[in-house]
Amino acid sequence: MIWSLCRSAFLATLLASLLPTAAADVKLPTGFTREVLAGPELKEPMDLTFAPDGAAWITGRTGEIWRLEPNTREKHQVGSIATDYSGDRGLHGLALHPDFARNGELFVFYHATNRPAGKYRSRVSRWTVEGTGPAARLNPTSETVLLEFDGDEGHQHVGGGLLAHPVERVLYVTTGDNNVIWELKKYCNDPENRAQSTADLRGKVLRIGFDGSAPVDNPHQKTPGARPEVFTRGHRQPWQLSFDRPTGLLLLAENGGDELDDVEEINRLQPGGNYGWPKAFGNSLETATRTNRVEGLQDPWFKYARNNGGSCSGALIYRAPAAGGFPERFRGGLFYSDYNRKTVRFAPVDATTLTPGASESFAQNLPGGPVSLRLGPDGALYLVEYGGWFQSTTNDTVSRIVFRP
């Protein structure tokens, strides 16, 4: 994961990330403030989601799960999961069941320790939390494995994002292509490459029931030889998912290729959509020639130039609470984060066509690179900032951006 987000010029990024950055250096529009809610005591934080009571639940790469009260800053470790956190693996995504307040069920994406030699093992499982509030604890014997598959050790891109869809009541899962990035020319035109093959779970967004079954309306349920869990394909390193209830937009923040003319993508997911990788990049341009257009693929909903380094890590449509929140001009617009650039940017979205416009700077010079971007129930933007390179640093934080005119 971290390798996938950092990519080229990683040494410079590493050295910069290990140096603490003062909060005063963060650049925000007038009236906005960044507040640090938890610091490096949360070891290598990765993802964040909110419970119905407003508490933030956070995963750590080495297996920890925490619960944080945003306003009081009170936090405690709910539990831990034995995970393989070698390389870019570990405990990544977290989602709470829509009925979490009643059943205490949560879902995680992590890498199991019982992996075969030369392989890694991705696992999506369901666990039960006992108790509420500060007394909440993960039942260590409650795991139910919903999905498990192996990948090639040493190959990049493992994905790891989760979304428990509140309307469809299914679980969306992102998986990386697990290709070797410097061997792109060997596999870009292979129609059976793992990201293109519907018989392979890698390089996909998967859609499964809360019990691990493949829903009957999945697009490849009747495709001969296909895995019925596949929802979309042709992804390189699909990262974080978000759902916007008013518009129905299901958005995916995804890392593009490593060439200077490659792009970072925010994709609007459509059932059965093919997003092109590794045959095509950006607006369906052929990877091999960089010019010819490939027909029949889904173009990015929003994209931006990679240039000398970019890693899109989160995307969401901003919705304010009944009272408070951000000014009117941000409402219904797109916020997205970039890990490598340590930034958050904003783009307006046309309410009729749902087309995003040109972006503008929102937050710059964040101390850690954002690996998770979430909208809080209070209308603040919450960030999980990761400062290290497979290790914890003083820039590992959970922060939020609030509007206080």
Foldseek 3Di string as FASTA:
>chain_A
DVCLQFPPPNVVQFVLLQDFDDLVPKDFPPQKHKFFLDWLVQWQWAEWDADPVQWIWIAHFQFWIKTARRPVSDMDTQEGDHAPNPDPFGKHEKDAQLVCVPFQKIKTWGWHPPDDPQKIKIWIWMWHWDDDDPPIHTDPPGIDTQDMDIAGPPFDAAATEWDQDNPVRKIKGAGAQSHHQVCLVVPLPPCCRQQNNQLHPHQAIFIAHPNNHQDPPQPCPPPPNGDSRGFEGAAHHWYYWDADVVVRFIWIFGDWHDDQAAKTAIAGGDGHAYARPPQAGAQQQGNVVSHDHDPDHGHGLDIDTQHNHWGWQDKDAADAAPDFADDPQRHRWMWTFTQSQQFIKIWGAPPPVRRTDDIDGGIGDQSFGFNYWDQGNNRWIWTQGQRHRSTGHRSGTIMTMHRRD
